[in-house]
Amino acid sequence: MDTSHIAEHAGTAGALFASVFVVATTTMRTMIPLRVFGILTNLVLIATAIPAHNYLVIGVQTVVLALNGYRLHQMLQLVRDVRKSVNSDLSMDWLKPFMIERKYKAGEVLFYKDEKAEDMAYIVSGRFRLVESGIELPVGAIVGELGMLSPSNTRTQTLECVEPGIVLSVGYNKVEELYVQNPAFGFYFLRLASARLFQNLNTLEQRLAQQSAAMATTGPKPV
């Protein structure tokens, strides 16, 4: 059998294997298995293109292989970081690669109460205050995630910049994408939102207790 026939048979076999992998990817619901099958498809197509000296296919599949490998590394790293965060603190450092940096000056408003909520934010530096409650958010605080869970998707308070600072923001569409692709992220996000709700309840209870103590100290006002 000459070289041309070998290349032809190799190409046919490669196309068959690649077709199987392509069909298999349609059954994948999460991104990591999809990337793995994509890498296997790239390797098969490269292997079958070598005997045929099809350098165009080899070049294209090599580039796609590198891209699939990089994206797979990103997703695996995300899962590892999410698991680490779930078992430790509720930080958002692991989400930084998917966020956009924004700078704010004193007096600027990041969002207003009752407006449509489309993103959540992570405070990197500066001072920011929730206007209605008067609560100042520290560096490392997360704000805006409850708007995603709200039935109306609206802001519950106005957020204002008190001193110049940097905020990392991520859109709800990206959060939803990560939620679907990684069940671990979905669990973490629910844990994060629950922690925020309990924190708000504790703050409210403390304020009510302070008001009750103040009223008990001053006594009833004279008629």
C-alpha atoms as a PDB file:
ATOM      1  CA  MET A   1       0.000   0.000   0.000  1.00  0.00           C
ATOM      2  CA  ASP A   2       1.518   3.332  -1.070  1.00  0.00           C
ATOM      3  CA  THR A   3       1.754   6.505   0.974  1.00  0.00           C
ATOM      4  CA  SER A   4      -1.297   8.120  -0.661  1.00  0.00           C
ATOM      5  CA  HIS A   5      -3.546   5.209   0.327  1.00  0.00           C
ATOM      6  CA  ILE A   6      -2.198   5.262   3.882  1.00  0.00           C
ATOM      7  CA  ALA A   7      -2.886   8.984   4.113  1.00  0.00           C
ATOM      8  CA  GLU A   8      -6.371   8.463   2.653  1.00  0.00           C
ATOM      9  CA  HIS A   9      -7.247   5.711   5.151  1.00  0.00           C
ATOM     10  CA  ALA A  10      -5.781   7.746   8.008  1.00  0.00           C
ATOM     11  CA  GLY A  11      -7.834  10.733   6.956  1.00  0.00           C
ATOM     12  CA  THR A  12     -11.032   8.656   6.805  1.00  0.00           C
ATOM     13  CA  ALA A  13     -10.405   7.119  10.210  1.00  0.00           C
ATOM     14  CA  GLY A  14      -9.557  10.518  11.660  1.00  0.00           C
ATOM     15  CA  ALA A  15     -12.724  12.050  10.265  1.00  0.00           C
ATOM     16  CA  LEU A  16     -14.748   9.179  11.760  1.00  0.00           C
ATOM     17  CA  PHE A  17     -13.177   9.586  15.205  1.00  0.00           C
ATOM     18  CA  ALA A  18     -13.545  13.356  15.050  1.00  0.00           C
ATOM     19  CA  SER A  19     -17.219  12.982  14.139  1.00  0.00           C
ATOM     20  CA  VAL A  20     -17.742  10.725  17.163  1.00  0.00           C
ATOM     21  CA  PHE A  21     -16.141  13.317  19.439  1.00  0.00           C
ATOM     22  CA  VAL A  22     -18.203  16.128  17.916  1.00  0.00           C
ATOM     23  CA  VAL A  23     -21.433  14.167  18.503  1.00  0.00           C
ATOM     24  CA  ALA A  24     -20.307  13.432  22.075  1.00  0.00           C
ATOM     25  CA  THR A  25     -19.789  17.141  22.781  1.00  0.00           C
ATOM     26  CA  THR A  26     -23.470  17.804  22.063  1.00  0.00           C
ATOM     27  CA  THR A  27     -24.366  15.699  25.119  1.00  0.00           C
ATOM     28  CA  MET A  28     -22.136  17.715  27.444  1.00  0.00           C
ATOM     29  CA  ARG A  29     -23.883  20.120  29.828  1.00  0.00           C
ATOM     30  CA  THR A  30     -20.825  21.516  31.599  1.00  0.00           C
ATOM     31  CA  MET A  31     -17.739  23.196  30.207  1.00  0.00           C
ATOM     32  CA  ILE A  32     -14.957  20.993  31.583  1.00  0.00           C
ATOM     33  CA  PRO A  33     -16.010  17.733  29.819  1.00  0.00           C
ATOM     34  CA  LEU A  34     -16.677  19.778  26.684  1.00  0.00           C
ATOM     35  CA  ARG A  35     -13.115  21.156  26.723  1.00  0.00           C
ATOM     36  CA  VAL A  36     -11.677  17.667  27.306  1.00  0.00           C
ATOM     37  CA  PHE A  37     -13.525  16.257  24.304  1.00  0.00           C
ATOM     38  CA  GLY A  38     -12.492  19.294  22.281  1.00  0.00           C
ATOM     39  CA  ILE A  39      -8.838  18.591  23.078  1.00  0.00           C
ATOM     40  CA  LEU A  40      -9.234  14.927  22.090  1.00  0.00           C
ATOM     41  CA  THR A  41     -10.831  16.013  18.813  1.00  0.00           C
ATOM     42  CA  ASN A  42      -7.933  18.393  18.108  1.00  0.00           C
ATOM     43  CA  LEU A  43      -5.376  15.642  18.771  1.00  0.00           C
ATOM     44  CA  VAL A  44      -7.156  13.173  16.478  1.00  0.00           C
ATOM     45  CA  LEU A  45      -7.403  15.698  13.632  1.00  0.00           C
ATOM     46  CA  ILE A  46      -3.725  16.651  14.002  1.00  0.00           C
ATOM     47  CA  ALA A  47      -2.661  12.983  14.019  1.00  0.00           C
ATOM     48  CA  THR A  48      -4.638  12.200  10.858  1.00  0.00           C
ATOM     49  CA  ALA A  49      -3.480  15.343   9.056  1.00  0.00           C
ATOM     50  CA  ILE A  50       0.208  14.559   9.520  1.00  0.00           C
ATOM     51  CA  PRO A  51       0.375  11.606   7.020  1.00  0.00           C
ATOM     52  CA  ALA A  52      -1.533  13.686   4.463  1.00  0.00           C
ATOM     53  CA  HIS A  53       0.812  16.660   5.016  1.00  0.00           C
ATOM     54  CA  ASN A  54      -2.238  18.871   5.479  1.00  0.00           C
ATOM     55  CA  TYR A  55      -0.385  21.728   7.168  1.00  0.00           C
ATOM     56  CA  LEU A  56      -3.417  24.022   7.199  1.00  0.00           C
ATOM     57  CA  VAL A  57      -5.418  21.578   9.322  1.00  0.00           C
ATOM     58  CA  ILE A  58      -2.382  20.938  11.536  1.00  0.00           C
ATOM     59  CA  GLY A  59      -1.875  24.658  12.098  1.00  0.00           C
ATOM     60  CA  VAL A  60      -5.528  25.455  12.788  1.00  0.00           C
ATOM     61  CA  GLN A  61      -6.026  22.492  15.129  1.00  0.00           C
ATOM     62  CA  THR A  62      -2.809  23.313  16.995  1.00  0.00           C
ATOM     63  CA  VAL A  63      -4.069  26.832  17.700  1.00  0.00           C
ATOM     64  CA  VAL A  64      -7.494  25.532  18.783  1.00  0.00           C
ATOM     65  CA  LEU A  65      -5.781  22.881  20.924  1.00  0.00           C
ATOM     66  CA  ALA A  66      -3.780  25.546  22.737  1.00  0.00           C
ATOM     67  CA  LEU A  67      -6.956  27.599  23.286  1.00  0.00           C
ATOM     68  CA  ASN A  68      -8.895  24.594  24.597  1.00  0.00           C
ATOM     69  CA  GLY A  69      -6.013  23.712  26.898  1.00  0.00           C
ATOM     70  CA  TYR A  70      -5.856  27.245  28.296  1.00  0.00           C
ATOM     71  CA  ARG A  71      -9.624  27.417  28.856  1.00  0.00           C
ATOM     72  CA  LEU A  72      -9.591  23.992  30.526  1.00  0.00           C
ATOM     73  CA  HIS A  73      -6.809  25.166  32.847  1.00  0.00           C
ATOM     74  CA  GLN A  74      -8.874  28.257  33.716  1.00  0.00           C
ATOM     75  CA  MET A  75     -11.963  26.215  34.544  1.00  0.00           C
ATOM     76  CA  LEU A  76     -10.047  23.669  36.625  1.00  0.00           C
ATOM     77  CA  GLN A  77      -8.342  26.480  38.518  1.00  0.00           C
ATOM     78  CA  LEU A  78     -11.722  28.116  39.111  1.00  0.00           C
ATOM     79  CA  VAL A  79     -13.152  24.890  40.550  1.00  0.00           C
ATOM     80  CA  ARG A  80     -10.117  24.465  42.842  1.00  0.00           C
ATOM     81  CA  ASP A  81     -10.365  28.064  44.047  1.00  0.00           C
ATOM     82  CA  VAL A  82     -14.118  27.799  44.597  1.00  0.00           C
ATOM     83  CA  ARG A  83     -13.705  24.652  46.689  1.00  0.00           C
ATOM     84  CA  LYS A  84     -10.964  26.333  48.692  1.00  0.00           C
ATOM     85  CA  SER A  85     -13.128  29.398  49.282  1.00  0.00           C
ATOM     86  CA  VAL A  86     -16.162  27.329  50.273  1.00  0.00           C
ATOM     87  CA  ASN A  87     -14.080  25.611  52.938  1.00  0.00           C
ATOM     88  CA  SER A  88     -12.523  28.834  54.217  1.00  0.00           C
ATOM     89  CA  ASP A  89     -13.543  32.460  53.887  1.00  0.00           C
ATOM     90  CA  LEU A  90     -16.186  34.045  51.685  1.00  0.00           C
ATOM     91  CA  SER A  91     -13.832  36.093  49.524  1.00  0.00           C
ATOM     92  CA  MET A  92     -14.079  36.726  45.795  1.00  0.00           C
ATOM     93  CA  ASP A  93     -10.375  36.596  44.883  1.00  0.00           C
ATOM     94  CA  TRP A  94     -11.001  33.521  42.720  1.00  0.00           C
ATOM     95  CA  LEU A  95     -13.496  35.471  40.589  1.00  0.00           C
ATOM     96  CA  LYS A  96     -11.104  38.340  39.751  1.00  0.00           C
ATOM     97  CA  PRO A  97     -10.029  36.972  36.309  1.00  0.00           C
ATOM     98  CA  PHE A  98     -13.665  37.269  35.179  1.00  0.00           C
ATOM     99  CA  MET A  99     -14.223  40.797  36.549  1.00  0.00           C
ATOM    100  CA  ILE A 100     -13.767  44.309  35.122  1.00  0.00           C
ATOM    101  CA  GLU A 101     -11.876  46.995  37.044  1.00  0.00           C
ATOM    102  CA  ARG A 102     -13.632  50.346  37.551  1.00  0.00           C
ATOM    103  CA  LYS A 103     -12.305  53.480  39.263  1.00  0.00           C
ATOM    104  CA  TYR A 104     -14.568  55.889  41.156  1.00  0.00           C
ATOM    105  CA  LYS A 105     -14.140  59.382  42.558  1.00  0.00           C
ATOM    106  CA  ALA A 106     -15.600  60.731  45.790  1.00  0.00           C
ATOM    107  CA  GLY A 107     -19.261  61.621  45.342  1.00  0.00           C
ATOM    108  CA  GLU A 108     -19.862  59.262  42.423  1.00  0.00           C
ATOM    109  CA  VAL A 109     -22.824  56.908  42.701  1.00  0.00           C
ATOM    110  CA  LEU A 110     -22.263  53.330  41.590  1.00  0.00           C
ATOM    111  CA  PHE A 111     -25.979  52.553  41.475  1.00  0.00           C
ATOM    112  CA  TYR A 112     -29.282  53.889  42.810  1.00  0.00           C
ATOM    113  CA  LYS A 113     -31.989  52.248  44.855  1.00  0.00           C
ATOM    114  CA  ASP A 114     -34.787  50.609  42.809  1.00  0.00           C
ATOM    115  CA  GLU A 115     -32.835  50.692  39.548  1.00  0.00           C
ATOM    116  CA  LYS A 116     -32.350  47.461  37.587  1.00  0.00           C
ATOM    117  CA  ALA A 117     -29.519  45.324  38.961  1.00  0.00           C
ATOM    118  CA  GLU A 118     -27.187  43.872  36.345  1.00  0.00           C
ATOM    119  CA  ASP A 119     -23.903  43.222  38.145  1.00  0.00           C
ATOM    120  CA  MET A 120     -22.207  42.604  41.481  1.00  0.00           C
ATOM    121  CA  ALA A 121     -19.040  44.229  42.780  1.00  0.00           C
ATOM    122  CA  TYR A 122     -15.945  43.563  44.890  1.00  0.00           C
ATOM    123  CA  ILE A 123     -14.372  46.554  46.660  1.00  0.00           C
ATOM    124  CA  VAL A 124     -10.580  46.626  46.184  1.00  0.00           C
ATOM    125  CA  SER A 125      -9.772  50.028  47.677  1.00  0.00           C
ATOM    126  CA  GLY A 126     -11.378  53.300  48.784  1.00  0.00           C
ATOM    127  CA  ARG A 127     -14.484  53.915  50.871  1.00  0.00           C
ATOM    128  CA  PHE A 128     -18.055  53.226  49.774  1.00  0.00           C
ATOM    129  CA  ARG A 129     -21.310  53.781  51.639  1.00  0.00           C
ATOM    130  CA  LEU A 130     -24.847  52.450  51.364  1.00  0.00           C
ATOM    131  CA  VAL A 131     -26.819  55.689  51.491  1.00  0.00           C
ATOM    132  CA  GLU A 132     -30.160  54.545  52.925  1.00  0.00           C
ATOM    133  CA  SER A 133     -28.711  52.492  55.781  1.00  0.00           C
ATOM    134  CA  GLY A 134     -25.573  54.558  56.289  1.00  0.00           C
ATOM    135  CA  ILE A 135     -23.435  51.394  56.335  1.00  0.00           C
ATOM    136  CA  GLU A 136     -19.864  51.861  55.123  1.00  0.00           C
ATOM    137  CA  LEU A 137     -18.495  48.882  53.208  1.00  0.00           C
ATOM    138  CA  PRO A 138     -14.893  47.848  53.976  1.00  0.00           C
ATOM    139  CA  VAL A 139     -12.250  46.798  51.467  1.00  0.00           C
ATOM    140  CA  GLY A 140     -12.964  43.226  50.390  1.00  0.00           C
ATOM    141  CA  ALA A 141     -16.721  43.626  50.752  1.00  0.00           C
ATOM    142  CA  ILE A 142     -19.111  42.192  48.182  1.00  0.00           C
ATOM    143  CA  VAL A 143     -22.146  44.182  47.115  1.00  0.00           C
ATOM    144  CA  GLY A 144     -24.931  43.686  44.599  1.00  0.00           C
ATOM    145  CA  GLU A 145     -25.243  39.902  44.675  1.00  0.00           C
ATOM    146  CA  LEU A 146     -28.667  39.993  46.307  1.00  0.00           C
ATOM    147  CA  GLY A 147     -30.099  41.865  43.319  1.00  0.00           C
ATOM    148  CA  MET A 148     -29.532  38.758  41.221  1.00  0.00           C
ATOM    149  CA  LEU A 149     -31.686  36.692  43.568  1.00  0.00           C
ATOM    150  CA  SER A 150     -34.409  39.311  43.909  1.00  0.00           C
ATOM    151  CA  PRO A 151     -37.594  38.529  41.898  1.00  0.00           C
ATOM    152  CA  SER A 152     -37.622  42.087  40.562  1.00  0.00           C
ATOM    153  CA  ASN A 153     -33.844  42.276  39.995  1.00  0.00           C
ATOM    154  CA  THR A 154     -33.719  45.778  41.506  1.00  0.00           C
ATOM    155  CA  ARG A 155     -31.265  47.474  43.852  1.00  0.00           C
ATOM    156  CA  THR A 156     -32.307  47.647  47.480  1.00  0.00           C
ATOM    157  CA  GLN A 157     -30.013  50.597  48.322  1.00  0.00           C
ATOM    158  CA  THR A 158     -27.923  53.345  46.739  1.00  0.00           C
ATOM    159  CA  LEU A 159     -24.138  52.863  46.763  1.00  0.00           C
ATOM    160  CA  GLU A 160     -21.971  56.010  46.867  1.00  0.00           C
ATOM    161  CA  CYS A 161     -18.207  56.466  46.724  1.00  0.00           C
ATOM    162  CA  VAL A 162     -16.951  58.365  49.803  1.00  0.00           C
ATOM    163  CA  GLU A 163     -13.215  58.275  49.002  1.00  0.00           C
ATOM    164  CA  PRO A 164     -11.632  57.444  45.604  1.00  0.00           C
ATOM    165  CA  GLY A 165     -11.277  53.726  45.105  1.00  0.00           C
ATOM    166  CA  ILE A 166     -11.282  50.732  42.785  1.00  0.00           C
ATOM    167  CA  VAL A 167     -14.095  48.233  42.345  1.00  0.00           C
ATOM    168  CA  LEU A 168     -14.103  44.980  40.393  1.00  0.00           C
ATOM    169  CA  SER A 169     -17.472  44.209  38.827  1.00  0.00           C
ATOM    170  CA  VAL A 170     -18.922  41.162  37.105  1.00  0.00           C
ATOM    171  CA  GLY A 171     -22.207  40.992  35.210  1.00  0.00           C
ATOM    172  CA  TYR A 172     -25.004  38.654  36.204  1.00  0.00           C
ATOM    173  CA  ASN A 173     -24.788  37.016  32.768  1.00  0.00           C
ATOM    174  CA  LYS A 174     -21.218  35.909  33.538  1.00  0.00           C
ATOM    175  CA  VAL A 175     -22.272  34.738  37.012  1.00  0.00           C
ATOM    176  CA  GLU A 176     -25.096  32.692  35.463  1.00  0.00           C
ATOM    177  CA  GLU A 177     -22.680  31.216  32.928  1.00  0.00           C
ATOM    178  CA  LEU A 178     -20.275  30.145  35.693  1.00  0.00           C
ATOM    179  CA  TYR A 179     -23.215  28.823  37.717  1.00  0.00           C
ATOM    180  CA  VAL A 180     -24.286  26.528  34.870  1.00  0.00           C
ATOM    181  CA  GLN A 181     -20.753  25.402  34.024  1.00  0.00           C
ATOM    182  CA  ASN A 182     -19.648  24.695  37.596  1.00  0.00           C
ATOM    183  CA  PRO A 183     -22.013  23.287  40.239  1.00  0.00           C
ATOM    184  CA  ALA A 184     -19.362  24.096  42.874  1.00  0.00           C
ATOM    185  CA  PHE A 185     -19.626  27.778  41.981  1.00  0.00           C
ATOM    186  CA  GLY A 186     -23.413  27.631  42.302  1.00  0.00           C
ATOM    187  CA  PHE A 187     -23.095  26.191  45.797  1.00  0.00           C
ATOM    188  CA  TYR A 188     -20.582  28.869  46.747  1.00  0.00           C
ATOM    189  CA  PHE A 189     -22.760  31.682  45.409  1.00  0.00           C
ATOM    190  CA  LEU A 190     -25.767  30.484  47.413  1.00  0.00           C
ATOM    191  CA  ARG A 191     -23.588  30.275  50.518  1.00  0.00           C
ATOM    192  CA  LEU A 192     -22.318  33.784  49.866  1.00  0.00           C
ATOM    193  CA  ALA A 193     -25.829  35.206  49.442  1.00  0.00           C
ATOM    194  CA  SER A 194     -27.040  33.400  52.578  1.00  0.00           C
ATOM    195  CA  ALA A 195     -24.142  34.808  54.590  1.00  0.00           C
ATOM    196  CA  ARG A 196     -25.030  38.310  53.409  1.00  0.00           C
ATOM    197  CA  LEU A 197     -28.670  37.850  54.408  1.00  0.00           C
ATOM    198  CA  PHE A 198     -27.688  36.675  57.898  1.00  0.00           C
ATOM    199  CA  GLN A 199     -25.265  39.594  58.174  1.00  0.00           C
ATOM    200  CA  ASN A 200     -28.041  42.048  57.308  1.00  0.00           C
ATOM    201  CA  LEU A 201     -30.353  40.428  59.871  1.00  0.00           C
ATOM    202  CA  ASN A 202     -27.674  40.660  62.571  1.00  0.00           C
ATOM    203  CA  THR A 203     -27.101  44.333  61.749  1.00  0.00           C
ATOM    204  CA  LEU A 204     -30.826  45.022  62.003  1.00  0.00           C
ATOM    205  CA  GLU A 205     -31.070  43.179  65.320  1.00  0.00           C
ATOM    206  CA  GLN A 206     -28.138  45.158  66.730  1.00  0.00           C
ATOM    207  CA  ARG A 207     -29.720  48.454  65.694  1.00  0.00           C
ATOM    208  CA  LEU A 208     -33.047  47.494  67.253  1.00  0.00           C
ATOM    209  CA  ALA A 209     -31.265  46.492  70.453  1.00  0.00           C
ATOM    210  CA  GLN A 210     -29.400  49.819  70.534  1.00  0.00           C
ATOM    211  CA  GLN A 211     -32.630  51.758  70.007  1.00  0.00           C
ATOM    212  CA  SER A 212     -34.358  49.782  72.773  1.00  0.00           C
ATOM    213  CA  ALA A 213     -31.438  50.410  75.144  1.00  0.00           C
ATOM    214  CA  ALA A 214     -31.460  54.126  74.335  1.00  0.00           C
ATOM    215  CA  MET A 215     -35.191  54.368  74.976  1.00  0.00           C
ATOM    216  CA  ALA A 216     -34.821  52.490  78.264  1.00  0.00           C
ATOM    217  CA  THR A 217     -32.038  54.858  79.354  1.00  0.00           C
ATOM    218  CA  THR A 218     -33.798  58.117  78.484  1.00  0.00           C
ATOM    219  CA  GLY A 219     -37.189  56.907  79.665  1.00  0.00           C
ATOM    220  CA  PRO A 220     -40.539  58.074  78.335  1.00  0.00           C
ATOM    221  CA  LYS A 221     -40.847  61.659  77.210  1.00  0.00           C
ATOM    222  CA  PRO A 222     -42.877  63.952  79.483  1.00  0.00           C
ATOM    223  CA  VAL A 223     -46.411  64.720  78.319  1.00  0.00           C
END
